[in-house]
Amino acid sequence: MASVQESVDVDVPIRTVYDQWTQFESFPQFMGGVESITQIDATHTHWVTNIDGVKREFDAEITEQHPEERVAWTSTSGEAKHAGVVTFHRLADDKTRVMIQIDWEPEGLVEKAGAALGFDDRQVKADAKKFKEFIESRGTETGAWRGDVPRPS
């Protein structure tokens, strides 16, 4: 299992940052390798990725979500086995820290070599920077979903 952690401080209020992060269908605008995400219902998404010419499709389930605190998910089908959590931390009225942790199972020689060489770390770092630029340049979210998904017992 491979794991990467990244954090980025954005000059936007926590509510705006959190609301934007819940707009999964906007991820291709700032996440490299993500072609599309379709929101199926409140807790299920379908992803299409294309990373270095390797196209994958998978479903993911939001396993925990609390407004302005955290969003956690895990893949439920498809080849790409992964899980992640994003937490949101208010630093000031107009400054928020976004912390991202993603765990995944690299498949095949190319992915295992890429993980070993740190390519995945660089991709997450680049995506965090693109998210910062995306939300700061807009100044407002493209939408919001403020439902609460409790952690399964």
Protein backbone atom coordinates (compact mmCIF):
# COMPACT_ATOMS: atom_id res chain seq x y z
CA MET A 1 0.00 0.00 0.00
CA ALA A 2 1.31 3.44 -0.92
CA SER A 3 0.38 6.63 0.90
CA VAL A 4 0.79 10.34 0.33
CA GLN A 5 0.01 13.35 2.50
CA GLU A 6 -0.10 16.97 1.43
CA SER A 7 -1.41 20.22 2.85
CA VAL A 8 -2.09 23.59 1.27
CA ASP A 9 -3.16 26.91 2.77
CA VAL A 10 -5.73 28.81 0.75
CA ASP A 11 -6.72 32.44 1.18
CA VAL A 12 -10.44 31.71 1.22
CA PRO A 13 -12.92 31.16 4.11
CA ILE A 14 -13.34 27.55 5.30
CA ARG A 15 -17.00 27.39 4.21
CA THR A 16 -16.09 28.27 0.61
CA VAL A 17 -13.18 25.79 0.53
CA TYR A 18 -15.26 22.96 1.98
CA ASP A 19 -18.24 23.70 -0.29
CA GLN A 20 -15.99 23.60 -3.37
CA TRP A 21 -14.41 20.31 -2.30
CA THR A 22 -17.88 18.71 -2.20
CA GLN A 23 -18.33 19.54 -5.91
CA PHE A 24 -16.68 16.33 -7.13
CA GLU A 25 -17.68 16.91 -10.75
CA SER A 26 -15.38 20.00 -10.78
CA PHE A 27 -12.27 17.94 -9.83
CA PRO A 28 -11.06 17.56 -13.46
CA GLN A 29 -10.52 21.35 -13.48
CA PHE A 30 -7.70 21.04 -10.93
CA MET A 31 -6.85 17.34 -10.58
CA GLY A 32 -4.36 15.91 -13.07
CA GLY A 33 -5.36 12.60 -14.63
CA VAL A 34 -9.03 12.86 -13.67
CA GLU A 35 -11.15 12.91 -16.84
CA SER A 36 -14.55 12.93 -15.15
CA ILE A 37 -16.43 12.29 -11.93
CA THR A 38 -20.14 11.62 -11.93
CA GLN A 39 -22.07 12.12 -8.69
CA ILE A 40 -24.48 9.15 -8.56
CA ASP A 41 -26.13 10.05 -5.26
CA ALA A 42 -25.20 11.76 -1.97
CA THR A 43 -22.48 9.22 -1.12
CA HIS A 44 -21.51 7.52 -4.42
CA THR A 45 -19.35 8.73 -7.32
CA HIS A 46 -18.07 7.20 -10.56
CA TRP A 47 -14.54 8.20 -11.64
CA VAL A 48 -12.77 8.02 -15.00
CA THR A 49 -9.01 8.61 -14.81
CA ASN A 50 -6.25 8.62 -17.40
CA ILE A 51 -2.79 8.75 -15.88
CA ASP A 52 0.17 8.34 -18.21
CA GLY A 53 -2.06 6.70 -20.81
CA VAL A 54 -3.56 4.18 -18.36
CA LYS A 55 -7.33 4.68 -18.36
CA ARG A 56 -9.30 3.41 -15.37
CA GLU A 57 -12.89 3.58 -14.17
CA PHE A 58 -14.02 2.95 -10.62
CA ASP A 59 -16.72 3.72 -8.12
CA ALA A 60 -16.13 5.35 -4.74
CA GLU A 61 -18.23 5.79 -1.65
CA ILE A 62 -18.08 8.72 0.75
CA THR A 63 -17.66 6.98 4.09
CA GLU A 64 -17.66 10.07 6.29
CA GLN A 65 -18.48 13.71 5.70
CA HIS A 66 -18.91 16.57 8.15
CA PRO A 67 -19.34 20.16 6.92
CA GLU A 68 -16.19 22.25 7.24
CA GLU A 69 -14.35 19.36 8.93
CA ARG A 70 -13.69 16.31 6.75
CA VAL A 71 -14.57 14.19 3.73
CA ALA A 72 -13.42 10.54 3.62
CA TRP A 73 -13.94 8.02 0.83
CA THR A 74 -12.97 4.57 -0.38
CA SER A 75 -13.16 2.86 -3.74
CA THR A 76 -15.85 0.20 -3.98
CA SER A 77 -15.30 -1.27 -7.46
CA GLY A 78 -12.94 -1.18 -10.40
CA GLU A 79 -9.21 -1.62 -10.71
CA ALA A 80 -8.06 1.42 -8.73
CA LYS A 81 -8.12 0.48 -5.05
CA HIS A 82 -7.73 3.55 -2.88
CA ALA A 83 -9.06 5.51 0.08
CA GLY A 84 -8.56 9.03 1.27
CA VAL A 85 -9.50 11.76 3.68
CA VAL A 86 -9.43 15.54 3.35
CA THR A 87 -9.66 17.71 6.45
CA PHE A 88 -10.31 21.44 6.64
CA HIS A 89 -8.78 23.71 9.29
CA ARG A 90 -9.77 27.35 9.84
CA LEU A 91 -6.61 29.45 10.23
CA ALA A 92 -8.35 32.85 10.02
CA ASP A 93 -11.61 34.27 8.65
CA ASP A 94 -10.15 34.20 5.13
CA LYS A 95 -7.51 31.45 5.39
CA THR A 96 -7.99 27.67 5.45
CA ARG A 97 -5.58 24.74 5.60
CA VAL A 98 -6.58 21.74 3.49
CA MET A 99 -4.90 18.46 4.48
CA ILE A 100 -5.07 15.55 2.03
CA GLN A 101 -4.16 11.93 2.69
CA ILE A 102 -4.54 9.27 0.01
CA ASP A 103 -3.72 5.57 0.34
CA TRP A 104 -3.73 3.28 -2.69
CA GLU A 105 -2.57 -0.04 -3.99
CA PRO A 106 -0.26 0.49 -7.01
CA GLU A 107 -0.92 -2.06 -9.76
CA GLY A 108 1.56 -3.25 -12.33
CA LEU A 109 5.22 -2.45 -12.79
CA VAL A 110 4.76 1.13 -14.03
CA GLU A 111 2.57 2.21 -11.09
CA LYS A 112 4.80 0.48 -8.53
CA ALA A 113 7.89 2.16 -10.01
CA GLY A 114 6.11 5.53 -10.10
CA ALA A 115 5.09 5.21 -6.45
CA ALA A 116 8.64 4.22 -5.47
CA LEU A 117 10.06 7.23 -7.31
CA GLY A 118 7.61 9.66 -5.72
CA PHE A 119 5.63 10.55 -8.85
CA ASP A 120 2.37 10.20 -6.90
CA ASP A 121 3.60 12.62 -4.21
CA ARG A 122 4.40 15.18 -6.89
CA GLN A 123 0.98 14.73 -8.52
CA VAL A 124 -0.90 15.28 -5.24
CA LYS A 125 1.28 18.32 -4.48
CA ALA A 126 0.59 19.74 -7.96
CA ASP A 127 -3.15 19.06 -7.60
CA ALA A 128 -3.25 20.78 -4.19
CA LYS A 129 -1.55 23.83 -5.72
CA LYS A 130 -4.02 23.82 -8.65
CA PHE A 131 -6.95 23.60 -6.20
CA LYS A 132 -5.54 26.63 -4.33
CA GLU A 133 -5.26 28.60 -7.59
CA PHE A 134 -8.73 27.45 -8.72
CA ILE A 135 -10.59 28.47 -5.55
CA GLU A 136 -8.59 31.68 -4.94
CA SER A 137 -9.07 32.89 -8.52
CA ARG A 138 -12.83 32.25 -8.33
CA GLY A 139 -13.26 33.57 -4.79
CA THR A 140 -16.45 31.54 -4.50
CA GLU A 141 -17.51 27.92 -4.78
CA THR A 142 -19.20 26.47 -7.87
CA GLY A 143 -21.80 24.80 -5.63
CA ALA A 144 -22.17 23.08 -2.27
CA TRP A 145 -23.42 19.94 -0.58
CA ARG A 146 -23.57 20.33 3.18
CA GLY A 147 -25.04 16.96 4.13
CA ASP A 148 -23.51 14.96 6.96
CA VAL A 149 -22.38 11.35 6.48
CA PRO A 150 -21.63 9.74 9.85
CA ARG A 151 -18.73 7.34 10.23
CA PRO A 152 -20.02 3.75 10.03
CA SER A 153 -20.08 1.99 13.38
